[in-house]
C-alpha cells in the first residue's frame, strides 16, 4: 500500500476497518507508531504470530481463555469485557495520544453477545475521544448482521483514504 492510499486518522477517534480490514488496520497502526505514538495491541491471534507477521514493537495482549500462557504472554479473558475496557482505558490515560488496535471483535461478540460488546466499545470510545487517542478495530463485515454493522459504523469513524477529501466524514 502506498502513501496515497493510506487513510488519514485523527486523534480522539475510533476507527472501524471493514475493507481488507486486518492488513489496513495494522498498516495504519504501524504508521502511527512510526510517528511516535505509544501503542498497544489486543488481539485474538497469539502475540508471537502478530510479532512475526507485522513486526510490531509494542505490548501485545492475547484475548484467550488460557489463564496462564507461557513465554511472558499476557492474556485477557474474552468474557471479561470490563477488564479489556479497563486495560485500554489505563493505557490511554498513561500515554497521551496513544493508539490501541483491538483485533478480535468477532470473537468477543461470540463469547459475550453483540449488545454487551457494543456497550463496552461505547465506554471505550468516550475515553478515546476525551484523551485524544486512537482506537483501531478491524472487522469482517460478513460476520455481523446488517443492523449490528450499522450500529458499529454509527459508533466508529470509517477511515478516509488520503486520496479522497469528502465533504463529510464520520464523527469527529
N, C-alpha and C. Protein backbone atom coordinates (compact mmCIF):
# COMPACT_ATOMS: atom_id res chain seq x y z
N UNK A 1 0.85 -1.17 0.00
CA UNK A 1 0.00 0.00 0.00
C UNK A 1 0.89 1.23 0.00
N UNK A 2 0.65 2.18 -0.88
CA UNK A 2 1.47 3.38 -0.89
C UNK A 2 0.80 4.49 -0.10
N UNK A 3 1.54 5.59 0.13
CA UNK A 3 1.05 6.67 0.96
C UNK A 3 -0.26 7.26 0.45
N UNK A 4 -0.47 7.26 -0.85
CA UNK A 4 -1.69 7.86 -1.41
C UNK A 4 -2.94 7.08 -1.02
N UNK A 5 -2.77 5.81 -0.61
CA UNK A 5 -3.93 5.00 -0.25
C UNK A 5 -4.09 4.83 1.25
N UNK A 6 -3.17 5.35 2.04
CA UNK A 6 -3.27 5.19 3.48
C UNK A 6 -4.30 6.16 4.04
N UNK A 7 -5.13 5.68 4.94
CA UNK A 7 -6.16 6.56 5.49
C UNK A 7 -5.57 7.62 6.42
N UNK A 8 -6.25 8.73 6.46
CA UNK A 8 -5.89 9.80 7.37
C UNK A 8 -6.66 9.57 8.67
N UNK A 9 -5.93 9.43 9.77
CA UNK A 9 -6.56 9.21 11.07
C UNK A 9 -6.29 10.42 11.96
N UNK A 10 -7.28 10.78 12.74
CA UNK A 10 -7.16 11.93 13.65
C UNK A 10 -7.34 11.45 15.08
N UNK A 11 -6.53 12.01 15.98
CA UNK A 11 -6.61 11.66 17.39
C UNK A 11 -7.99 11.94 17.95
N UNK A 12 -8.37 11.18 18.96
CA UNK A 12 -9.67 11.34 19.58
C UNK A 12 -10.78 10.59 18.87
N UNK A 13 -10.39 9.71 17.93
CA UNK A 13 -11.38 8.96 17.16
C UNK A 13 -11.13 7.47 17.24
N UNK A 14 -12.21 6.73 17.10
CA UNK A 14 -12.16 5.27 16.99
C UNK A 14 -12.51 4.92 15.56
N UNK A 15 -11.72 4.04 14.97
CA UNK A 15 -11.87 3.71 13.55
C UNK A 15 -12.22 2.24 13.36
N UNK A 16 -13.20 2.00 12.49
CA UNK A 16 -13.62 0.67 12.12
C UNK A 16 -13.12 0.39 10.71
N UNK A 17 -12.25 -0.60 10.57
CA UNK A 17 -11.74 -1.00 9.25
C UNK A 17 -12.53 -2.21 8.79
N UNK A 18 -13.18 -2.10 7.61
CA UNK A 18 -14.01 -3.19 7.11
C UNK A 18 -13.53 -3.75 5.77
N UNK A 19 -12.75 -3.00 5.02
CA UNK A 19 -12.24 -3.47 3.73
C UNK A 19 -10.77 -3.84 3.89
N UNK A 20 -10.44 -5.10 3.53
CA UNK A 20 -9.06 -5.58 3.73
C UNK A 20 -8.63 -5.20 5.15
N UNK A 21 -9.53 -5.48 6.08
CA UNK A 21 -9.52 -4.90 7.41
C UNK A 21 -8.23 -5.10 8.20
N UNK A 22 -7.80 -6.34 8.36
CA UNK A 22 -6.66 -6.60 9.23
C UNK A 22 -5.39 -5.96 8.67
N UNK A 23 -5.13 -6.15 7.40
CA UNK A 23 -3.91 -5.59 6.79
C UNK A 23 -3.90 -4.06 6.87
N UNK A 24 -5.01 -3.44 6.54
CA UNK A 24 -5.08 -1.97 6.58
C UNK A 24 -4.99 -1.44 8.00
N UNK A 25 -5.63 -2.14 8.95
CA UNK A 25 -5.60 -1.69 10.34
C UNK A 25 -4.18 -1.75 10.90
N UNK A 26 -3.48 -2.86 10.65
CA UNK A 26 -2.10 -2.98 11.14
C UNK A 26 -1.19 -1.97 10.45
N UNK A 27 -1.41 -1.70 9.17
CA UNK A 27 -0.59 -0.70 8.47
C UNK A 27 -0.80 0.69 9.08
N UNK A 28 -2.04 1.04 9.36
CA UNK A 28 -2.32 2.34 9.98
C UNK A 28 -1.72 2.41 11.39
N UNK A 29 -1.83 1.33 12.12
CA UNK A 29 -1.27 1.25 13.46
C UNK A 29 0.25 1.45 13.43
N UNK A 30 0.91 0.73 12.53
CA UNK A 30 2.37 0.84 12.42
C UNK A 30 2.78 2.25 12.02
N UNK A 31 2.01 2.89 11.16
CA UNK A 31 2.32 4.26 10.76
C UNK A 31 2.24 5.21 11.95
N UNK A 32 1.22 5.03 12.80
CA UNK A 32 1.09 5.88 13.99
C UNK A 32 2.23 5.61 14.98
N UNK A 33 2.66 4.35 15.10
CA UNK A 33 3.82 4.05 15.94
C UNK A 33 5.05 4.77 15.40
N UNK A 34 5.24 4.72 14.10
CA UNK A 34 6.40 5.37 13.47
C UNK A 34 6.38 6.89 13.67
N UNK A 35 5.18 7.45 13.85
CA UNK A 35 5.05 8.90 14.11
C UNK A 35 5.33 9.24 15.58
N UNK A 36 5.58 8.21 16.40
CA UNK A 36 5.94 8.46 17.79
C UNK A 36 4.86 8.17 18.81
N UNK A 37 3.72 7.67 18.39
CA UNK A 37 2.66 7.34 19.34
C UNK A 37 2.99 6.03 20.04
N UNK A 38 2.63 5.93 21.32
CA UNK A 38 2.76 4.67 22.05
C UNK A 38 1.62 3.77 21.62
N UNK A 39 1.88 2.46 21.51
CA UNK A 39 0.86 1.55 21.02
C UNK A 39 0.64 0.34 21.90
N UNK A 40 -0.57 -0.21 21.78
CA UNK A 40 -0.96 -1.43 22.45
C UNK A 40 -1.83 -2.23 21.48
N UNK A 41 -1.52 -3.52 21.34
CA UNK A 41 -2.33 -4.42 20.53
C UNK A 41 -3.02 -5.40 21.47
N UNK A 42 -4.33 -5.53 21.31
CA UNK A 42 -5.11 -6.56 22.00
C UNK A 42 -5.71 -7.39 20.88
N UNK A 43 -5.35 -8.68 20.84
CA UNK A 43 -5.63 -9.48 19.67
C UNK A 43 -6.06 -10.90 20.00
N UNK A 44 -6.82 -11.48 19.10
CA UNK A 44 -7.20 -12.89 19.20
C UNK A 44 -6.06 -13.79 18.74
N UNK A 45 -5.16 -13.27 17.92
CA UNK A 45 -4.01 -14.04 17.44
C UNK A 45 -2.94 -14.08 18.52
N UNK A 46 -2.19 -15.17 18.57
CA UNK A 46 -1.12 -15.28 19.55
C UNK A 46 -0.10 -14.16 19.32
N UNK A 47 0.37 -13.52 20.38
CA UNK A 47 1.32 -12.40 20.23
C UNK A 47 2.56 -12.73 19.41
N UNK A 48 3.09 -13.96 19.52
CA UNK A 48 4.26 -14.32 18.71
C UNK A 48 3.93 -14.27 17.23
N UNK A 49 2.72 -14.69 16.87
CA UNK A 49 2.30 -14.66 15.46
C UNK A 49 2.15 -13.21 14.98
N UNK A 50 1.57 -12.36 15.81
CA UNK A 50 1.42 -10.94 15.46
C UNK A 50 2.79 -10.32 15.24
N UNK A 51 3.72 -10.63 16.14
CA UNK A 51 5.09 -10.11 16.03
C UNK A 51 5.73 -10.55 14.73
N UNK A 52 5.57 -11.83 14.38
CA UNK A 52 6.17 -12.36 13.16
C UNK A 52 5.53 -11.75 11.91
N UNK A 53 4.20 -11.67 11.88
CA UNK A 53 3.50 -11.18 10.70
C UNK A 53 3.66 -9.68 10.48
N UNK A 54 3.66 -8.91 11.57
CA UNK A 54 3.59 -7.46 11.44
C UNK A 54 4.82 -6.72 11.96
N UNK A 55 5.71 -7.42 12.65
CA UNK A 55 6.94 -6.78 13.15
C UNK A 55 6.68 -5.59 14.04
N UNK A 56 5.73 -5.72 14.95
CA UNK A 56 5.34 -4.61 15.81
C UNK A 56 6.14 -4.64 17.11
N UNK A 57 6.66 -3.48 17.49
CA UNK A 57 7.41 -3.33 18.73
C UNK A 57 6.58 -2.53 19.73
N UNK A 58 5.69 -3.22 20.43
CA UNK A 58 4.88 -2.61 21.47
C UNK A 58 4.23 -3.74 22.26
N UNK A 59 3.61 -3.44 23.39
CA UNK A 59 2.93 -4.50 24.13
C UNK A 59 1.82 -5.14 23.29
N UNK A 60 1.74 -6.47 23.35
CA UNK A 60 0.71 -7.23 22.64
C UNK A 60 0.05 -8.16 23.65
N UNK A 61 -1.26 -8.02 23.81
CA UNK A 61 -2.02 -8.86 24.73
C UNK A 61 -2.92 -9.79 23.94
N UNK A 62 -3.07 -11.01 24.45
CA UNK A 62 -3.79 -12.06 23.77
C UNK A 62 -5.17 -12.26 24.38
N UNK A 63 -6.21 -12.16 23.56
CA UNK A 63 -7.56 -12.47 24.01
C UNK A 63 -7.70 -13.99 23.95
N UNK A 64 -7.67 -14.63 25.12
CA UNK A 64 -7.67 -16.10 25.16
C UNK A 64 -8.19 -16.58 26.50
N UNK A 65 -8.72 -17.78 26.49
CA UNK A 65 -9.20 -18.40 27.72
C UNK A 65 -8.06 -19.01 28.53
N UNK A 66 -6.88 -19.13 27.93
CA UNK A 66 -5.71 -19.68 28.63
C UNK A 66 -5.38 -18.77 29.81
N UNK A 67 -5.55 -19.29 31.01
CA UNK A 67 -5.37 -18.45 32.19
C UNK A 67 -3.89 -18.15 32.49
N UNK A 68 -3.01 -19.07 32.12
CA UNK A 68 -1.58 -18.86 32.39
C UNK A 68 -0.75 -19.22 31.17
N UNK A 69 -0.80 -18.38 30.14
CA UNK A 69 0.02 -18.68 28.96
C UNK A 69 1.50 -18.58 29.31
N UNK A 70 2.32 -19.25 28.53
CA UNK A 70 3.75 -19.28 28.80
C UNK A 70 4.50 -18.23 27.99
N UNK A 71 5.76 -18.09 28.27
CA UNK A 71 6.62 -17.22 27.49
C UNK A 71 6.39 -15.74 27.69
N UNK A 72 5.88 -15.34 28.84
CA UNK A 72 5.68 -13.93 29.11
C UNK A 72 4.48 -13.31 28.40
N UNK A 73 3.64 -14.15 27.81
CA UNK A 73 2.45 -13.66 27.11
C UNK A 73 1.40 -13.24 28.14
N UNK A 74 0.83 -12.06 27.96
CA UNK A 74 -0.24 -11.59 28.84
C UNK A 74 -1.56 -11.85 28.15
N UNK A 75 -2.47 -12.54 28.85
CA UNK A 75 -3.76 -12.84 28.24
C UNK A 75 -4.88 -12.10 28.94
N UNK A 76 -5.93 -11.84 28.19
CA UNK A 76 -7.16 -11.24 28.70
C UNK A 76 -8.29 -12.19 28.37
N UNK A 77 -9.08 -12.55 29.37
CA UNK A 77 -10.19 -13.46 29.13
C UNK A 77 -11.26 -12.77 28.28
N UNK A 78 -11.76 -13.45 27.26
CA UNK A 78 -12.73 -12.82 26.35
C UNK A 78 -14.05 -12.45 27.02
N UNK A 79 -14.40 -13.13 28.11
CA UNK A 79 -15.68 -12.83 28.77
C UNK A 79 -15.56 -11.70 29.79
N UNK A 80 -14.38 -11.19 30.00
CA UNK A 80 -14.19 -10.09 30.96
C UNK A 80 -14.04 -8.77 30.20
N UNK A 81 -15.16 -8.33 29.62
CA UNK A 81 -15.15 -7.13 28.78
C UNK A 81 -14.71 -5.88 29.54
N UNK A 82 -15.11 -5.77 30.80
CA UNK A 82 -14.72 -4.57 31.54
C UNK A 82 -13.23 -4.59 31.88
N UNK A 83 -12.63 -5.76 31.98
CA UNK A 83 -11.17 -5.85 32.16
C UNK A 83 -10.47 -5.39 30.88
N UNK A 84 -11.00 -5.79 29.74
CA UNK A 84 -10.42 -5.36 28.46
C UNK A 84 -10.58 -3.84 28.33
N UNK A 85 -11.78 -3.34 28.64
CA UNK A 85 -12.01 -1.89 28.61
C UNK A 85 -11.05 -1.18 29.56
N UNK A 86 -10.90 -1.71 30.78
CA UNK A 86 -10.01 -1.09 31.76
C UNK A 86 -8.56 -1.08 31.32
N UNK A 87 -8.14 -2.13 30.65
CA UNK A 87 -6.77 -2.21 30.13
C UNK A 87 -6.54 -1.11 29.10
N UNK A 88 -7.49 -0.94 28.20
CA UNK A 88 -7.38 0.12 27.18
C UNK A 88 -7.41 1.48 27.85
N UNK A 89 -8.35 1.67 28.77
CA UNK A 89 -8.51 2.94 29.47
C UNK A 89 -7.23 3.33 30.21
N UNK A 90 -6.67 2.39 30.97
CA UNK A 90 -5.44 2.66 31.71
C UNK A 90 -4.30 3.03 30.77
N UNK A 91 -4.20 2.33 29.64
CA UNK A 91 -3.12 2.58 28.70
C UNK A 91 -3.22 3.98 28.08
N UNK A 92 -4.43 4.37 27.66
CA UNK A 92 -4.55 5.69 27.02
C UNK A 92 -4.45 6.82 28.03
N UNK A 93 -4.81 6.56 29.28
CA UNK A 93 -4.64 7.59 30.32
C UNK A 93 -3.15 7.79 30.63
N UNK A 94 -2.39 6.72 30.60
CA UNK A 94 -0.96 6.79 30.92
C UNK A 94 -0.09 7.25 29.75
N UNK A 95 -0.65 7.23 28.53
CA UNK A 95 0.13 7.56 27.33
C UNK A 95 -0.68 8.50 26.43
N UNK A 96 -0.44 9.78 26.58
CA UNK A 96 -1.19 10.77 25.81
C UNK A 96 -1.06 10.48 24.31
N UNK A 97 -2.18 10.52 23.59
CA UNK A 97 -2.17 10.30 22.15
C UNK A 97 -1.88 8.87 21.74
N UNK A 98 -2.09 7.92 22.66
CA UNK A 98 -1.78 6.52 22.38
C UNK A 98 -2.68 5.95 21.30
N UNK A 99 -2.23 4.84 20.72
CA UNK A 99 -3.01 4.13 19.70
C UNK A 99 -3.19 2.69 20.16
N UNK A 100 -4.45 2.23 20.13
CA UNK A 100 -4.77 0.86 20.53
C UNK A 100 -5.42 0.16 19.34
N UNK A 101 -4.91 -1.02 19.03
CA UNK A 101 -5.51 -1.85 17.99
C UNK A 101 -6.20 -3.01 18.67
N UNK A 102 -7.51 -3.11 18.48
CA UNK A 102 -8.31 -4.20 19.05
C UNK A 102 -8.71 -5.13 17.90
N UNK A 103 -8.00 -6.25 17.80
CA UNK A 103 -8.21 -7.21 16.72
C UNK A 103 -8.78 -8.49 17.31
N UNK A 104 -10.06 -8.73 17.07
CA UNK A 104 -10.70 -9.91 17.62
C UNK A 104 -12.12 -9.62 18.08
N UNK A 105 -12.69 -8.56 17.54
CA UNK A 105 -14.04 -8.17 17.93
C UNK A 105 -15.05 -9.29 17.68
N UNK A 106 -14.88 -10.01 16.58
CA UNK A 106 -15.80 -11.10 16.26
C UNK A 106 -15.80 -12.14 17.37
N UNK A 107 -14.63 -12.47 17.90
CA UNK A 107 -14.51 -13.44 18.99
C UNK A 107 -15.20 -12.92 20.26
N UNK A 108 -15.01 -11.63 20.55
CA UNK A 108 -15.66 -11.05 21.72
C UNK A 108 -17.19 -11.12 21.59
N UNK A 109 -17.70 -10.88 20.38
CA UNK A 109 -19.14 -10.98 20.14
C UNK A 109 -19.61 -12.42 20.35
N UNK A 110 -18.85 -13.38 19.85
CA UNK A 110 -19.20 -14.79 20.02
C UNK A 110 -19.28 -15.17 21.50
N UNK A 111 -18.35 -14.67 22.29
CA UNK A 111 -18.27 -15.03 23.70
C UNK A 111 -19.25 -14.27 24.59
N UNK A 112 -19.63 -13.04 24.19
CA UNK A 112 -20.41 -12.18 25.09
C UNK A 112 -21.75 -11.71 24.54
N UNK A 113 -21.97 -11.86 23.25
CA UNK A 113 -23.15 -11.29 22.62
C UNK A 113 -22.86 -9.88 22.15
N UNK A 114 -23.55 -9.47 21.09
CA UNK A 114 -23.26 -8.18 20.47
C UNK A 114 -23.56 -7.01 21.42
N UNK A 115 -24.68 -7.05 22.13
CA UNK A 115 -25.07 -5.93 22.99
C UNK A 115 -24.04 -5.60 24.05
N UNK A 116 -23.51 -6.62 24.72
CA UNK A 116 -22.51 -6.41 25.77
C UNK A 116 -21.22 -5.83 25.19
N UNK A 117 -20.81 -6.33 24.02
CA UNK A 117 -19.60 -5.82 23.37
C UNK A 117 -19.81 -4.37 22.95
N UNK A 118 -20.97 -4.07 22.41
CA UNK A 118 -21.27 -2.70 21.97
C UNK A 118 -21.21 -1.73 23.15
N UNK A 119 -21.76 -2.12 24.29
CA UNK A 119 -21.72 -1.25 25.47
C UNK A 119 -20.28 -0.98 25.91
N UNK A 120 -19.45 -2.00 25.91
CA UNK A 120 -18.04 -1.83 26.29
C UNK A 120 -17.32 -0.92 25.29
N UNK A 121 -17.62 -1.10 24.01
CA UNK A 121 -17.00 -0.24 22.98
C UNK A 121 -17.42 1.22 23.14
N UNK A 122 -18.68 1.44 23.47
CA UNK A 122 -19.16 2.81 23.65
C UNK A 122 -18.42 3.50 24.80
N UNK A 123 -18.22 2.79 25.90
CA UNK A 123 -17.46 3.35 27.01
C UNK A 123 -16.02 3.65 26.59
N UNK A 124 -15.43 2.72 25.87
CA UNK A 124 -14.05 2.89 25.41
C UNK A 124 -13.96 4.08 24.46
N UNK A 125 -14.91 4.18 23.54
CA UNK A 125 -14.90 5.28 22.57
C UNK A 125 -14.97 6.64 23.26
N UNK A 126 -15.75 6.74 24.33
CA UNK A 126 -15.83 8.01 25.07
C UNK A 126 -14.47 8.39 25.62
N UNK A 127 -13.77 7.42 26.18
CA UNK A 127 -12.45 7.72 26.74
C UNK A 127 -11.43 8.05 25.66
N UNK A 128 -11.52 7.38 24.52
CA UNK A 128 -10.64 7.68 23.39
C UNK A 128 -10.88 9.12 22.94
N UNK A 129 -12.14 9.51 22.83
CA UNK A 129 -12.47 10.87 22.39
C UNK A 129 -11.94 11.92 23.37
N UNK A 130 -12.09 11.66 24.66
CA UNK A 130 -11.65 12.63 25.67
C UNK A 130 -10.14 12.72 25.76
N UNK A 131 -9.44 11.65 25.44
CA UNK A 131 -7.99 11.60 25.63
C UNK A 131 -7.19 12.03 24.40
N UNK A 132 -7.85 12.12 23.24
CA UNK A 132 -7.13 12.42 22.01
C UNK A 132 -6.37 11.22 21.46
N UNK A 133 -6.71 10.04 21.93
CA UNK A 133 -6.05 8.81 21.49
C UNK A 133 -6.72 8.25 20.24
N UNK A 134 -6.28 7.07 19.83
CA UNK A 134 -6.80 6.38 18.66
C UNK A 134 -7.20 4.97 19.06
N UNK A 135 -8.32 4.50 18.54
CA UNK A 135 -8.71 3.09 18.66
C UNK A 135 -8.94 2.59 17.24
N UNK A 136 -8.27 1.51 16.89
CA UNK A 136 -8.39 0.93 15.55
C UNK A 136 -8.95 -0.48 15.70
N UNK A 137 -10.06 -0.75 15.01
CA UNK A 137 -10.72 -2.05 15.12
C UNK A 137 -10.99 -2.59 13.72
N UNK A 138 -10.28 -3.67 13.34
CA UNK A 138 -10.61 -4.33 12.07
C UNK A 138 -11.74 -5.33 12.29
N UNK A 139 -12.63 -5.45 11.30
CA UNK A 139 -13.72 -6.43 11.41
C UNK A 139 -14.10 -6.91 10.02
N UNK A 140 -14.49 -8.15 9.95
CA UNK A 140 -15.01 -8.70 8.69
C UNK A 140 -16.52 -8.50 8.71
N UNK A 141 -17.05 -7.62 7.86
CA UNK A 141 -18.48 -7.32 7.90
C UNK A 141 -19.37 -8.53 7.64
N UNK A 142 -18.82 -9.58 7.03
CA UNK A 142 -19.60 -10.79 6.77
C UNK A 142 -19.96 -11.54 8.04
N UNK A 143 -19.28 -11.20 9.15
CA UNK A 143 -19.51 -11.92 10.41
C UNK A 143 -20.64 -11.31 11.23
N UNK A 144 -21.21 -10.21 10.76
CA UNK A 144 -22.23 -9.49 11.53
C UNK A 144 -23.53 -9.38 10.75
N UNK A 145 -24.61 -9.20 11.49
CA UNK A 145 -25.89 -8.89 10.86
C UNK A 145 -25.84 -7.44 10.40
N UNK A 146 -26.67 -7.09 9.44
CA UNK A 146 -26.69 -5.74 8.88
C UNK A 146 -26.91 -4.68 9.97
N UNK A 147 -27.83 -4.95 10.88
CA UNK A 147 -28.12 -4.00 11.95
C UNK A 147 -26.91 -3.80 12.85
N UNK A 148 -26.21 -4.90 13.17
CA UNK A 148 -25.03 -4.81 14.03
C UNK A 148 -23.94 -4.00 13.35
N UNK A 149 -23.71 -4.26 12.08
CA UNK A 149 -22.70 -3.50 11.35
C UNK A 149 -23.08 -2.02 11.31
N UNK A 150 -24.35 -1.75 11.11
CA UNK A 150 -24.82 -0.36 11.11
C UNK A 150 -24.56 0.33 12.45
N UNK A 151 -24.80 -0.36 13.55
CA UNK A 151 -24.53 0.22 14.86
C UNK A 151 -23.05 0.50 15.05
N UNK A 152 -22.20 -0.41 14.62
CA UNK A 152 -20.76 -0.18 14.72
C UNK A 152 -20.33 0.99 13.85
N UNK A 153 -20.84 1.05 12.64
CA UNK A 153 -20.48 2.15 11.74
C UNK A 153 -20.94 3.49 12.29
N UNK A 154 -22.04 3.48 13.02
CA UNK A 154 -22.55 4.72 13.63
C UNK A 154 -21.65 5.15 14.80
N UNK A 155 -21.14 4.18 15.54
CA UNK A 155 -20.31 4.46 16.72
C UNK A 155 -18.87 4.83 16.35
N UNK A 156 -18.38 4.29 15.26
CA UNK A 156 -16.99 4.49 14.84
C UNK A 156 -16.91 5.44 13.66
N UNK A 157 -15.71 6.00 13.48
CA UNK A 157 -15.39 6.70 12.24
C UNK A 157 -14.90 5.65 11.25
N UNK A 158 -15.13 5.86 9.99
CA UNK A 158 -14.56 4.98 8.98
C UNK A 158 -13.32 5.67 8.44
N UNK A 159 -12.23 4.93 8.24
CA UNK A 159 -11.00 5.56 7.75
C UNK A 159 -11.22 6.16 6.37
N UNK A 160 -10.73 7.38 6.18
CA UNK A 160 -10.85 8.08 4.91
C UNK A 160 -9.51 8.00 4.20
N UNK A 161 -9.52 7.48 2.99
CA UNK A 161 -8.28 7.43 2.22
C UNK A 161 -7.81 8.85 1.94
N UNK A 162 -6.49 9.05 1.98
CA UNK A 162 -5.93 10.39 1.78
C UNK A 162 -6.18 10.91 0.37
N UNK A 163 -6.48 10.01 -0.56
CA UNK A 163 -6.74 10.47 -1.94
C UNK A 163 -8.15 11.04 -2.09
N UNK A 164 -9.00 10.81 -1.07
CA UNK A 164 -10.37 11.34 -1.12
C UNK A 164 -10.49 12.44 -0.07
N UNK A 165 -11.17 13.48 -0.38
CA UNK A 165 -11.45 14.51 0.60
C UNK A 165 -12.95 14.75 0.61
N UNK A 166 -13.69 13.88 1.31
CA UNK A 166 -15.13 14.03 1.32
C UNK A 166 -15.56 15.26 2.08
N UNK A 167 -16.74 15.75 1.77
CA UNK A 167 -17.23 16.93 2.46
C UNK A 167 -17.68 16.58 3.87
N UNK A 168 -17.97 15.31 4.11
CA UNK A 168 -18.41 14.89 5.43
C UNK A 168 -17.85 13.53 5.74
N UNK A 169 -17.36 13.32 6.95
CA UNK A 169 -16.87 12.02 7.38
C UNK A 169 -17.70 11.52 8.53
N UNK A 170 -17.13 10.60 9.30
CA UNK A 170 -17.80 10.09 10.48
C UNK A 170 -17.68 11.06 11.61
N UNK A 171 -18.01 10.65 12.83
CA UNK A 171 -17.94 11.54 13.98
C UNK A 171 -16.52 12.04 14.21
N UNK A 172 -16.40 13.25 14.69
CA UNK A 172 -15.07 13.80 14.99
C UNK A 172 -14.89 14.03 16.45
